Amino acid sequence: MSLSSGTRSLLLEIASWFGAACLLAFGLANYDELRSLTNSTLGIPAPGQVAAARPEVREEPQAQVYNSGTVELRANRNGHYITEADINGWSVNVLVDTGATMVALTHEDAERAGIYLNHSDYTHRVSTANGVARVAPVMLSSVSIGDITVRNVRAAVSEPGNLRTTLLGMTFLSRLERVDMRSGTLILED
């Protein structure tokens, strides 16, 4: 059975449009990966890499007082509460952030705490002050400040370069008996 030239032409046109639709669907489904690949090929830094390129100023933990089941943190000169926490048994500097929904670890601090992730683990999107970011959901076996320890804490790890400081958010803080702020002092009580 032989097809007329008009029918062959029509079938080729349909096949071309179908191929174009498949390419478009593939591009939309893999947009982030294709953008990253294109940017790295062209030498264009990703938004998080621009921020990471700035020299990082690591703030030292501020003065703190540990009593039995109570931790008092003094605000630094910018009004932030920075302390050292043990995450999965590893020491990490954190910013205590009552405005953060959950504990959010930098990629580097996650690795320091024994959490190793692949690119494919960053499956969730979150809204941040800097826009939308991809994170990998994780469960931390323990988070401790002083003698306060909370076990099985939901957290998220940010993609490399997208977060400068680990945030100790509400998935930790909401499980404490008391979180109180007064006169430049943050009081945490188990």
Protein backbone atom coordinates (compact mmCIF):
# COMPACT_ATOMS: atom_id res chain seq x y z
CA MET A 1 0.00 0.00 0.00
CA SER A 2 1.49 3.22 -1.14
CA LEU A 3 0.69 6.60 0.42
CA SER A 4 0.09 9.68 -1.61
CA SER A 5 2.58 12.51 -1.33
CA GLY A 6 -0.02 14.63 0.48
CA THR A 7 -0.59 11.90 3.10
CA ARG A 8 3.16 11.41 3.59
CA SER A 9 3.58 15.15 4.00
CA LEU A 10 0.78 15.26 6.58
CA LEU A 11 2.26 12.32 8.56
CA LEU A 12 5.70 13.97 8.59
CA GLU A 13 4.13 17.22 9.81
CA ILE A 14 2.29 15.37 12.62
CA ALA A 15 5.50 13.51 13.59
CA SER A 16 7.41 16.84 13.67
CA TRP A 17 4.81 18.46 15.93
CA PHE A 18 4.71 15.38 18.18
CA GLY A 19 8.52 15.46 18.50
CA ALA A 20 8.45 19.17 19.33
CA ALA A 21 5.76 18.56 21.98
CA CYS A 22 7.86 15.76 23.52
CA LEU A 23 10.95 18.00 23.64
CA LEU A 24 8.93 20.79 25.26
CA ALA A 25 7.47 18.39 27.87
CA PHE A 26 10.96 17.03 28.64
CA GLY A 27 12.32 20.57 28.98
CA LEU A 28 9.55 21.61 31.36
CA ALA A 29 9.88 18.45 33.46
CA ASN A 30 13.66 18.93 33.80
CA TYR A 31 13.80 22.73 33.80
CA ASP A 32 15.97 23.14 36.93
CA GLU A 33 18.50 20.54 35.86
CA LEU A 34 18.72 21.92 32.32
CA ARG A 35 19.12 25.48 33.64
CA SER A 36 21.90 24.37 36.01
CA LEU A 37 23.65 22.49 33.22
CA THR A 38 23.34 25.45 30.83
CA ASN A 39 24.56 27.92 33.46
CA SER A 40 27.54 25.78 34.40
CA THR A 41 28.41 25.24 30.72
CA LEU A 42 28.26 28.98 30.05
CA GLY A 43 30.01 29.84 33.34
CA ILE A 44 27.02 31.71 34.75
CA PRO A 45 26.81 31.32 38.54
CA ALA A 46 23.54 30.11 40.06
CA PRO A 47 21.76 32.62 42.38
CA GLY A 48 22.96 30.78 45.49
CA GLN A 49 26.54 30.74 44.21
CA VAL A 50 26.58 34.53 43.90
CA ALA A 51 25.72 34.85 47.57
CA ALA A 52 28.22 32.15 48.45
CA ALA A 53 30.97 33.97 46.55
CA ARG A 54 30.88 36.82 49.06
CA PRO A 55 33.31 36.35 51.93
CA GLU A 56 31.48 34.56 54.71
CA VAL A 57 31.54 36.14 58.14
CA ARG A 58 31.04 33.38 60.68
CA GLU A 59 29.74 34.82 63.90
CA GLU A 60 30.92 33.23 67.09
CA PRO A 61 28.29 32.01 69.53
CA GLN A 62 27.27 34.69 72.02
CA ALA A 63 27.53 34.43 75.79
CA GLN A 64 25.20 31.80 77.17
CA VAL A 65 24.21 30.48 80.54
CA TYR A 66 23.27 26.86 81.03
CA ASN A 67 21.21 25.83 84.04
CA SER A 68 19.48 22.53 84.55
CA GLY A 69 16.97 22.33 81.70
CA THR A 70 17.32 26.04 80.86
CA VAL A 71 19.49 27.86 78.34
CA GLU A 72 19.79 31.65 78.20
CA LEU A 73 21.21 33.17 75.04
CA ARG A 74 22.28 36.79 74.78
CA ALA A 75 21.63 38.62 71.50
CA ASN A 76 24.62 39.72 69.47
CA ARG A 77 25.01 43.34 68.36
CA ASN A 78 22.61 42.69 65.44
CA GLY A 79 19.94 41.24 67.75
CA HIS A 80 20.51 37.65 66.60
CA TYR A 81 20.77 34.63 68.88
CA ILE A 82 23.71 32.52 67.75
CA THR A 83 24.82 29.49 69.68
CA GLU A 84 26.44 26.12 69.30
CA ALA A 85 24.17 23.11 69.00
CA ASP A 86 24.91 19.42 68.80
CA ILE A 87 23.14 17.96 65.78
CA ASN A 88 23.32 14.18 65.59
CA GLY A 89 26.25 14.43 68.02
CA TRP A 90 28.22 16.98 65.95
CA SER A 91 28.86 20.58 66.97
CA VAL A 92 27.30 23.17 64.64
CA ASN A 93 26.93 26.95 64.97
CA VAL A 94 23.24 27.86 64.60
CA LEU A 95 21.07 30.96 64.44
CA VAL A 96 18.01 30.49 66.67
CA ASP A 97 15.16 31.70 64.46
CA THR A 98 11.58 31.74 65.79
CA GLY A 99 10.46 32.84 62.31
CA ALA A 100 11.79 29.68 60.64
CA THR A 101 9.22 26.91 60.29
CA MET A 102 11.78 24.18 60.72
CA VAL A 103 15.41 23.44 61.40
CA ALA A 104 17.24 24.29 58.16
CA LEU A 105 20.79 23.07 57.74
CA THR A 106 23.37 24.32 55.33
CA HIS A 107 24.66 21.60 53.02
CA GLU A 108 28.07 21.83 54.72
CA ASP A 109 26.67 21.57 58.27
CA ALA A 110 24.55 18.59 57.22
CA GLU A 111 27.66 16.79 56.02
CA ARG A 112 29.43 17.77 59.26
CA ALA A 113 26.50 16.11 61.12
CA GLY A 114 26.86 12.93 59.05
CA ILE A 115 24.06 13.60 56.53
CA TYR A 116 25.22 13.00 52.96
CA LEU A 117 22.83 13.81 50.14
CA ASN A 118 22.66 13.44 46.38
CA HIS A 119 21.35 16.06 43.96
CA SER A 120 18.19 13.96 43.55
CA ASP A 121 17.42 14.19 47.31
CA TYR A 122 16.46 17.88 46.99
CA THR A 123 12.82 17.13 46.24
CA HIS A 124 10.90 19.88 48.08
CA ARG A 125 10.54 23.59 47.37
CA VAL A 126 10.28 26.15 50.16
CA SER A 127 9.68 29.89 50.20
CA THR A 128 12.45 31.84 51.88
CA ALA A 129 13.25 35.50 52.35
CA ASN A 130 15.47 35.17 49.26
CA GLY A 131 12.85 33.44 47.09
CA VAL A 132 12.06 29.81 46.38
CA ALA A 133 14.71 27.20 47.17
CA ARG A 134 15.01 23.44 46.89
CA VAL A 135 15.63 21.41 50.04
CA ALA A 136 16.04 17.80 51.07
CA PRO A 137 13.78 16.74 53.95
CA VAL A 138 15.60 14.82 56.71
CA MET A 139 14.97 13.57 60.23
CA LEU A 140 17.61 14.49 62.80
CA SER A 141 18.10 11.89 65.51
CA SER A 142 18.88 14.59 68.09
CA VAL A 143 19.38 18.33 68.50
CA SER A 144 20.89 19.61 71.75
CA ILE A 145 21.72 22.99 73.25
CA GLY A 146 23.33 22.73 76.67
CA ASP A 147 21.46 19.98 78.50
CA ILE A 148 18.28 20.44 76.41
CA THR A 149 17.88 17.60 73.90
CA VAL A 150 15.05 17.02 71.45
CA ARG A 151 14.95 13.75 69.52
CA ASN A 152 13.56 12.99 66.06
CA VAL A 153 13.49 16.56 64.77
CA ARG A 154 12.12 17.22 61.27
CA ALA A 155 14.54 19.34 59.27
CA ALA A 156 15.54 20.35 55.77
CA VAL A 157 18.96 20.60 54.15
CA SER A 158 19.47 23.40 51.64
CA GLU A 159 21.23 22.92 48.34
CA PRO A 160 24.95 23.81 48.41
CA GLY A 161 25.48 27.58 48.54
CA ASN A 162 21.83 28.54 49.20
CA LEU A 163 21.96 29.00 52.98
CA ARG A 164 24.78 30.68 54.87
CA THR A 165 23.91 29.70 58.43
CA THR A 166 22.03 26.76 59.91
CA LEU A 167 18.70 27.92 61.36
CA LEU A 168 17.26 26.39 64.51
CA GLY A 169 13.56 26.82 63.77
CA MET A 170 10.20 25.80 65.14
CA THR A 171 10.45 22.02 64.61
CA PHE A 172 12.93 22.21 67.50
CA LEU A 173 11.64 25.24 69.43
CA SER A 174 7.97 24.19 69.50
CA ARG A 175 8.92 21.02 71.39
CA LEU A 176 10.35 22.98 74.32
CA GLU A 177 8.35 23.83 77.42
CA ARG A 178 9.19 27.53 77.14
CA VAL A 179 10.70 29.93 74.62
CA ASP A 180 10.78 33.47 75.95
CA MET A 181 12.51 36.63 74.75
CA ARG A 182 13.18 39.61 77.02
CA SER A 183 15.70 42.42 77.14
CA GLY A 184 18.12 40.89 74.64
CA THR A 185 17.96 37.44 76.21
CA LEU A 186 16.34 34.35 74.73
CA ILE A 187 15.32 31.78 77.34
CA LEU A 188 14.84 28.16 76.28
CA GLU A 189 13.46 25.69 78.81
CA ASP A 190 12.99 21.95 78.50
